[in-house]
Amino acid sequence: MTDSTKSRARGADKRRRLTAAAAEVLHRQGVERTTIADIAETADVPVGNVYYYFKTKDELVQAALSEHEGNLAELTTELDRLPDPLDRLKALVHAWVGQRDIAVRFGCPTGTLAVELDKRADGTLDQEAGRVIRVLLDWVEHQFRALGRPDAGDLAVTLVAGYQGMSLLANALRDPDLMTREGNRLIRWLDTLAAGGAAS
């Protein structure tokens, strides 16, 4: 491996660490309370080096949203290995409930970021956050269509809204059991739909 190749690899590693750190710190602290120094410290990158990769905090916010989208893509790719769309949807709910301790402390990573960014007067980052949520909605809708549901779009909104609601309430009430209970309710609802019941 040449010196230039090693240098590029180190640079790619630093950028990757900064992106992951941005997603983590912004989720924990929010946009307004997070500094570039906070992200640099979490990434174990000298703060002066950050500006080589990201010129502004907004670019780091964009990177965090890309990280969330990448994590979602990894999850849905894994779920797509399941042969049955109902099993995929139920596994998605189980994955959400599996993150209940994080949700209780900080809320949904993308949902909380979308709400915070919407309150800013500048930029279009709130639309970027919405786009990530749209990717999830589209995937969920595709599963309902595979189940033969003509109301797949509406059902996707109901399921994702259920997740956002239980994350928000679990966070506000500091109650992880709430997510477990609501997750179980969503699983029962999915079973009802698969059995041919009406949406409730």
C-alpha atoms as a PDB file:
ATOM      1  CA  MET A   1       0.000   0.000   0.000  1.00  0.00           C
ATOM      2  CA  THR A   2       1.469   3.357  -1.051  1.00  0.00           C
ATOM      3  CA  ASP A   3       1.689   6.387   1.225  1.00  0.00           C
ATOM      4  CA  SER A   4      -1.014   8.191  -0.775  1.00  0.00           C
ATOM      5  CA  THR A   5      -3.321   5.171  -0.511  1.00  0.00           C
ATOM      6  CA  LYS A   6      -2.733   5.020   3.249  1.00  0.00           C
ATOM      7  CA  SER A   7      -3.429   8.748   3.507  1.00  0.00           C
ATOM      8  CA  ARG A   8      -6.702   8.396   1.585  1.00  0.00           C
ATOM      9  CA  ALA A   9      -7.717   5.455   3.780  1.00  0.00           C
ATOM     10  CA  ARG A  10      -6.982   7.458   6.945  1.00  0.00           C
ATOM     11  CA  GLY A  11      -8.966  10.379   5.545  1.00  0.00           C
ATOM     12  CA  ALA A  12     -11.921   8.159   4.700  1.00  0.00           C
ATOM     13  CA  ASP A  13     -11.778   6.668   8.208  1.00  0.00           C
ATOM     14  CA  LYS A  14     -11.782  10.125   9.814  1.00  0.00           C
ATOM     15  CA  ARG A  15     -14.723  11.249   7.690  1.00  0.00           C
ATOM     16  CA  ARG A  16     -16.591   8.057   8.562  1.00  0.00           C
ATOM     17  CA  ARG A  17     -15.918   8.525  12.276  1.00  0.00           C
ATOM     18  CA  LEU A  18     -17.049  12.144  12.112  1.00  0.00           C
ATOM     19  CA  THR A  19     -20.261  11.165  10.325  1.00  0.00           C
ATOM     20  CA  ALA A  20     -21.087   8.472  12.891  1.00  0.00           C
ATOM     21  CA  ALA A  21     -20.195  10.836  15.744  1.00  0.00           C
ATOM     22  CA  ALA A  22     -22.401  13.575  14.304  1.00  0.00           C
ATOM     23  CA  ALA A  23     -25.378  11.209  14.216  1.00  0.00           C
ATOM     24  CA  GLU A  24     -24.719  10.076  17.789  1.00  0.00           C
ATOM     25  CA  VAL A  25     -24.068  13.481  19.355  1.00  0.00           C
ATOM     26  CA  LEU A  26     -26.878  15.287  17.544  1.00  0.00           C
ATOM     27  CA  HIS A  27     -29.284  12.580  18.707  1.00  0.00           C
ATOM     28  CA  ARG A  28     -28.119  12.931  22.311  1.00  0.00           C
ATOM     29  CA  GLN A  29     -27.821  16.712  22.481  1.00  0.00           C
ATOM     30  CA  GLY A  30     -29.803  18.193  19.611  1.00  0.00           C
ATOM     31  CA  VAL A  31     -28.564  20.588  16.952  1.00  0.00           C
ATOM     32  CA  GLU A  32     -28.464  23.780  18.988  1.00  0.00           C
ATOM     33  CA  ARG A  33     -26.547  22.342  21.950  1.00  0.00           C
ATOM     34  CA  THR A  34     -24.027  20.452  19.825  1.00  0.00           C
ATOM     35  CA  THR A  35     -20.738  22.049  18.820  1.00  0.00           C
ATOM     36  CA  ILE A  36     -18.257  20.934  16.216  1.00  0.00           C
ATOM     37  CA  ALA A  37     -15.855  20.333  19.110  1.00  0.00           C
ATOM     38  CA  ASP A  38     -18.338  17.894  20.690  1.00  0.00           C
ATOM     39  CA  ILE A  39     -18.465  15.887  17.472  1.00  0.00           C
ATOM     40  CA  ALA A  40     -14.684  15.986  17.039  1.00  0.00           C
ATOM     41  CA  GLU A  41     -14.167  14.714  20.585  1.00  0.00           C
ATOM     42  CA  THR A  42     -16.594  11.822  20.116  1.00  0.00           C
ATOM     43  CA  ALA A  43     -14.942  10.920  16.798  1.00  0.00           C
ATOM     44  CA  ASP A  44     -11.462  11.213  18.346  1.00  0.00           C
ATOM     45  CA  VAL A  45     -10.461  13.647  15.605  1.00  0.00           C
ATOM     46  CA  PRO A  46      -8.622  16.923  16.322  1.00  0.00           C
ATOM     47  CA  VAL A  47     -11.149  19.739  16.061  1.00  0.00           C
ATOM     48  CA  GLY A  48      -9.025  21.590  13.513  1.00  0.00           C
ATOM     49  CA  ASN A  49      -9.179  18.571  11.191  1.00  0.00           C
ATOM     50  CA  VAL A  50     -12.979  18.605  11.097  1.00  0.00           C
ATOM     51  CA  TYR A  51     -13.035  21.598   8.751  1.00  0.00           C
ATOM     52  CA  TYR A  52     -11.081  19.650   6.146  1.00  0.00           C
ATOM     53  CA  TYR A  53     -14.104  17.336   5.800  1.00  0.00           C
ATOM     54  CA  PHE A  54     -17.040  19.518   6.893  1.00  0.00           C
ATOM     55  CA  LYS A  55     -16.971  23.300   6.566  1.00  0.00           C
ATOM     56  CA  THR A  56     -20.022  24.010   8.749  1.00  0.00           C
ATOM     57  CA  LYS A  57     -22.147  22.412  11.430  1.00  0.00           C
ATOM     58  CA  ASP A  58     -24.977  22.191   8.899  1.00  0.00           C
ATOM     59  CA  GLU A  59     -22.784  19.939   6.752  1.00  0.00           C
ATOM     60  CA  LEU A  60     -22.346  17.709   9.805  1.00  0.00           C
ATOM     61  CA  VAL A  61     -26.115  17.684  10.319  1.00  0.00           C
ATOM     62  CA  GLN A  62     -26.488  16.619   6.680  1.00  0.00           C
ATOM     63  CA  ALA A  63     -23.908  13.896   7.295  1.00  0.00           C
ATOM     64  CA  ALA A  64     -25.858  12.725  10.351  1.00  0.00           C
ATOM     65  CA  LEU A  65     -29.028  12.461   8.272  1.00  0.00           C
ATOM     66  CA  SER A  66     -27.110  10.427   5.693  1.00  0.00           C
ATOM     67  CA  GLU A  67     -25.916   8.189   8.518  1.00  0.00           C
ATOM     68  CA  HIS A  68     -29.499   7.649   9.681  1.00  0.00           C
ATOM     69  CA  GLU A  69     -30.542   6.855   6.119  1.00  0.00           C
ATOM     70  CA  GLY A  70     -27.654   4.395   5.810  1.00  0.00           C
ATOM     71  CA  ASN A  71     -28.635   2.691   9.066  1.00  0.00           C
ATOM     72  CA  LEU A  72     -32.211   2.425   7.803  1.00  0.00           C
ATOM     73  CA  ALA A  73     -30.992   0.933   4.520  1.00  0.00           C
ATOM     74  CA  GLU A  74     -28.955  -1.668   6.436  1.00  0.00           C
ATOM     75  CA  LEU A  75     -31.968  -2.582   8.561  1.00  0.00           C
ATOM     76  CA  THR A  76     -34.396  -2.872   5.659  1.00  0.00           C
ATOM     77  CA  THR A  77     -31.875  -4.881   3.614  1.00  0.00           C
ATOM     78  CA  GLU A  78     -31.620  -7.315   6.516  1.00  0.00           C
ATOM     79  CA  LEU A  79     -35.403  -7.440   6.879  1.00  0.00           C
ATOM     80  CA  ASP A  80     -35.827  -8.025   3.140  1.00  0.00           C
ATOM     81  CA  ARG A  81     -34.103 -11.382   3.621  1.00  0.00           C
ATOM     82  CA  LEU A  82     -37.235 -12.584   5.410  1.00  0.00           C
ATOM     83  CA  PRO A  83     -39.504 -14.294   2.868  1.00  0.00           C
ATOM     84  CA  ASP A  84     -42.836 -12.970   4.169  1.00  0.00           C
ATOM     85  CA  PRO A  85     -43.828  -9.260   4.205  1.00  0.00           C
ATOM     86  CA  LEU A  86     -45.776  -9.707   7.446  1.00  0.00           C
ATOM     87  CA  ASP A  87     -42.659 -11.130   9.105  1.00  0.00           C
ATOM     88  CA  ARG A  88     -40.674  -8.160   7.779  1.00  0.00           C
ATOM     89  CA  LEU A  89     -43.107  -5.673   9.295  1.00  0.00           C
ATOM     90  CA  LYS A  90     -43.190  -7.498  12.621  1.00  0.00           C
ATOM     91  CA  ALA A  91     -39.382  -7.679  12.670  1.00  0.00           C
ATOM     92  CA  LEU A  92     -39.310  -3.917  12.053  1.00  0.00           C
ATOM     93  CA  VAL A  93     -41.511  -3.361  15.111  1.00  0.00           C
ATOM     94  CA  HIS A  94     -39.272  -5.671  17.152  1.00  0.00           C
ATOM     95  CA  ALA A  95     -36.237  -3.655  16.013  1.00  0.00           C
ATOM     96  CA  TRP A  96     -37.929  -0.437  17.155  1.00  0.00           C
ATOM     97  CA  VAL A  97     -38.777  -1.936  20.552  1.00  0.00           C
ATOM     98  CA  GLY A  98     -35.216  -3.236  20.800  1.00  0.00           C
ATOM     99  CA  GLN A  99     -34.061   0.396  20.752  1.00  0.00           C
ATOM    100  CA  ARG A 100     -36.433   1.409  23.558  1.00  0.00           C
ATOM    101  CA  ASP A 101     -33.711   2.352  26.054  1.00  0.00           C
ATOM    102  CA  ILE A 102     -32.199   4.799  23.560  1.00  0.00           C
ATOM    103  CA  ALA A 103     -35.644   6.136  22.627  1.00  0.00           C
ATOM    104  CA  VAL A 104     -36.473   6.701  26.290  1.00  0.00           C
ATOM    105  CA  ARG A 105     -33.377   8.846  26.717  1.00  0.00           C
ATOM    106  CA  PHE A 106     -33.282  10.706  23.407  1.00  0.00           C
ATOM    107  CA  GLY A 107     -36.354   9.915  21.250  1.00  0.00           C
ATOM    108  CA  CYS A 108     -36.314   8.696  17.651  1.00  0.00           C
ATOM    109  CA  PRO A 109     -33.052   9.798  15.963  1.00  0.00           C
ATOM    110  CA  THR A 110     -34.618  11.016  12.723  1.00  0.00           C
ATOM    111  CA  GLY A 111     -37.953  12.141  14.175  1.00  0.00           C
ATOM    112  CA  THR A 112     -36.437  14.356  16.871  1.00  0.00           C
ATOM    113  CA  LEU A 113     -33.988  15.837  14.363  1.00  0.00           C
ATOM    114  CA  ALA A 114     -36.804  16.562  11.898  1.00  0.00           C
ATOM    115  CA  VAL A 115     -38.814  18.402  14.558  1.00  0.00           C
ATOM    116  CA  GLU A 116     -35.824  20.445  15.697  1.00  0.00           C
ATOM    117  CA  LEU A 117     -34.751  21.357  12.166  1.00  0.00           C
ATOM    118  CA  ASP A 118     -38.292  22.418  11.264  1.00  0.00           C
ATOM    119  CA  LYS A 119     -38.081  25.175  13.889  1.00  0.00           C
ATOM    120  CA  ARG A 120     -35.091  26.794  12.197  1.00  0.00           C
ATOM    121  CA  ALA A 121     -35.761  29.698   9.874  1.00  0.00           C
ATOM    122  CA  ASP A 122     -32.932  28.898   7.483  1.00  0.00           C
ATOM    123  CA  GLY A 123     -32.031  26.098   5.118  1.00  0.00           C
ATOM    124  CA  THR A 124     -33.731  22.976   3.873  1.00  0.00           C
ATOM    125  CA  LEU A 125     -32.337  20.417   6.306  1.00  0.00           C
ATOM    126  CA  ASP A 126     -35.816  19.802   7.692  1.00  0.00           C
ATOM    127  CA  GLN A 127     -36.832  18.611   4.217  1.00  0.00           C
ATOM    128  CA  GLU A 128     -33.831  16.283   4.200  1.00  0.00           C
ATOM    129  CA  ALA A 129     -34.974  14.784   7.498  1.00  0.00           C
ATOM    130  CA  GLY A 130     -38.445  14.379   6.035  1.00  0.00           C
ATOM    131  CA  ARG A 131     -36.951  12.607   3.039  1.00  0.00           C
ATOM    132  CA  VAL A 132     -35.320  10.006   5.327  1.00  0.00           C
ATOM    133  CA  ILE A 133     -38.687   9.389   7.007  1.00  0.00           C
ATOM    134  CA  ARG A 134     -40.251   9.090   3.548  1.00  0.00           C
ATOM    135  CA  VAL A 135     -37.777   6.298   2.713  1.00  0.00           C
ATOM    136  CA  LEU A 136     -39.086   4.369   5.724  1.00  0.00           C
ATOM    137  CA  LEU A 137     -42.712   5.053   4.798  1.00  0.00           C
ATOM    138  CA  ASP A 138     -42.107   3.847   1.240  1.00  0.00           C
ATOM    139  CA  TRP A 139     -40.503   0.615   2.442  1.00  0.00           C
ATOM    140  CA  VAL A 140     -43.366  -0.070   4.869  1.00  0.00           C
ATOM    141  CA  GLU A 141     -45.934   0.716   2.161  1.00  0.00           C
ATOM    142  CA  HIS A 142     -44.207  -1.759  -0.155  1.00  0.00           C
ATOM    143  CA  GLN A 143     -44.620  -4.487   2.485  1.00  0.00           C
ATOM    144  CA  PHE A 144     -48.326  -3.778   2.868  1.00  0.00           C
ATOM    145  CA  ARG A 145     -48.730  -3.866  -0.918  1.00  0.00           C
ATOM    146  CA  ALA A 146     -47.004  -7.253  -0.939  1.00  0.00           C
ATOM    147  CA  LEU A 147     -49.665  -8.367   1.557  1.00  0.00           C
ATOM    148  CA  GLY A 148     -52.299  -7.366  -1.004  1.00  0.00           C
ATOM    149  CA  ARG A 149     -53.583  -4.353   0.914  1.00  0.00           C
ATOM    150  CA  PRO A 150     -55.152  -1.674  -1.341  1.00  0.00           C
ATOM    151  CA  ASP A 151     -54.789   0.839   1.514  1.00  0.00           C
ATOM    152  CA  ALA A 152     -51.044   0.215   1.834  1.00  0.00           C
ATOM    153  CA  GLY A 153     -50.100   3.895   1.950  1.00  0.00           C
ATOM    154  CA  ASP A 154     -52.511   4.667   4.771  1.00  0.00           C
ATOM    155  CA  LEU A 155     -51.418   1.611   6.720  1.00  0.00           C
ATOM    156  CA  ALA A 156     -47.771   2.624   6.334  1.00  0.00           C
ATOM    157  CA  VAL A 157     -48.546   6.029   7.824  1.00  0.00           C
ATOM    158  CA  THR A 158     -50.411   4.383  10.707  1.00  0.00           C
ATOM    159  CA  LEU A 159     -47.518   2.035  11.508  1.00  0.00           C
ATOM    160  CA  VAL A 160     -44.769   4.656  11.283  1.00  0.00           C
ATOM    161  CA  ALA A 161     -46.890   7.151  13.226  1.00  0.00           C
ATOM    162  CA  GLY A 162     -47.348   4.473  15.887  1.00  0.00           C
ATOM    163  CA  TYR A 163     -43.578   4.178  16.171  1.00  0.00           C
ATOM    164  CA  GLN A 164     -43.056   7.942  16.304  1.00  0.00           C
ATOM    165  CA  GLY A 165     -45.798   8.288  18.909  1.00  0.00           C
ATOM    166  CA  MET A 166     -44.505   5.548  21.173  1.00  0.00           C
ATOM    167  CA  SER A 167     -40.952   6.930  20.907  1.00  0.00           C
ATOM    168  CA  LEU A 168     -42.143  10.407  21.828  1.00  0.00           C
ATOM    169  CA  LEU A 169     -44.246   9.222  24.757  1.00  0.00           C
ATOM    170  CA  ALA A 170     -41.584   6.833  26.057  1.00  0.00           C
ATOM    171  CA  ASN A 171     -39.095   9.709  25.939  1.00  0.00           C
ATOM    172  CA  ALA A 172     -41.426  12.225  27.572  1.00  0.00           C
ATOM    173  CA  LEU A 173     -42.524   9.800  30.296  1.00  0.00           C
ATOM    174  CA  ARG A 174     -39.152   8.023  30.636  1.00  0.00           C
ATOM    175  CA  ASP A 175     -41.027   4.728  30.331  1.00  0.00           C
ATOM    176  CA  PRO A 176     -39.396   1.938  28.256  1.00  0.00           C
ATOM    177  CA  ASP A 177     -42.269  -0.421  29.097  1.00  0.00           C
ATOM    178  CA  LEU A 178     -44.584   1.875  27.159  1.00  0.00           C
ATOM    179  CA  MET A 179     -42.654   1.052  23.980  1.00  0.00           C
ATOM    180  CA  THR A 180     -42.853  -2.650  24.755  1.00  0.00           C
ATOM    181  CA  ARG A 181     -46.615  -2.495  25.279  1.00  0.00           C
ATOM    182  CA  GLU A 182     -47.218  -0.376  22.197  1.00  0.00           C
ATOM    183  CA  GLY A 183     -44.920  -2.576  20.142  1.00  0.00           C
ATOM    184  CA  ASN A 184     -46.957  -5.629  21.178  1.00  0.00           C
ATOM    185  CA  ARG A 185     -50.144  -3.781  20.242  1.00  0.00           C
ATOM    186  CA  LEU A 186     -48.720  -2.999  16.794  1.00  0.00           C
ATOM    187  CA  ILE A 187     -47.788  -6.673  16.336  1.00  0.00           C
ATOM    188  CA  ARG A 188     -51.360  -7.721  17.194  1.00  0.00           C
ATOM    189  CA  TRP A 189     -52.687  -5.072  14.785  1.00  0.00           C
ATOM    190  CA  LEU A 190     -50.459  -6.429  12.003  1.00  0.00           C
ATOM    191  CA  ASP A 191     -51.707  -9.948  12.679  1.00  0.00           C
ATOM    192  CA  THR A 192     -55.285  -8.696  12.445  1.00  0.00           C
ATOM    193  CA  LEU A 193     -54.590  -7.036   9.098  1.00  0.00           C
ATOM    194  CA  ALA A 194     -52.896 -10.139   7.728  1.00  0.00           C
ATOM    195  CA  ALA A 195     -55.912 -12.190   8.785  1.00  0.00           C
ATOM    196  CA  GLY A 196     -58.121  -9.912   6.669  1.00  0.00           C
ATOM    197  CA  GLY A 197     -59.398  -7.626   9.412  1.00  0.00           C
ATOM    198  CA  ALA A 198     -60.171  -3.974   8.879  1.00  0.00           C
ATOM    199  CA  ALA A 199     -57.688  -1.272   9.827  1.00  0.00           C
ATOM    200  CA  SER A 200     -58.303   0.081  13.291  1.00  0.00           C
END
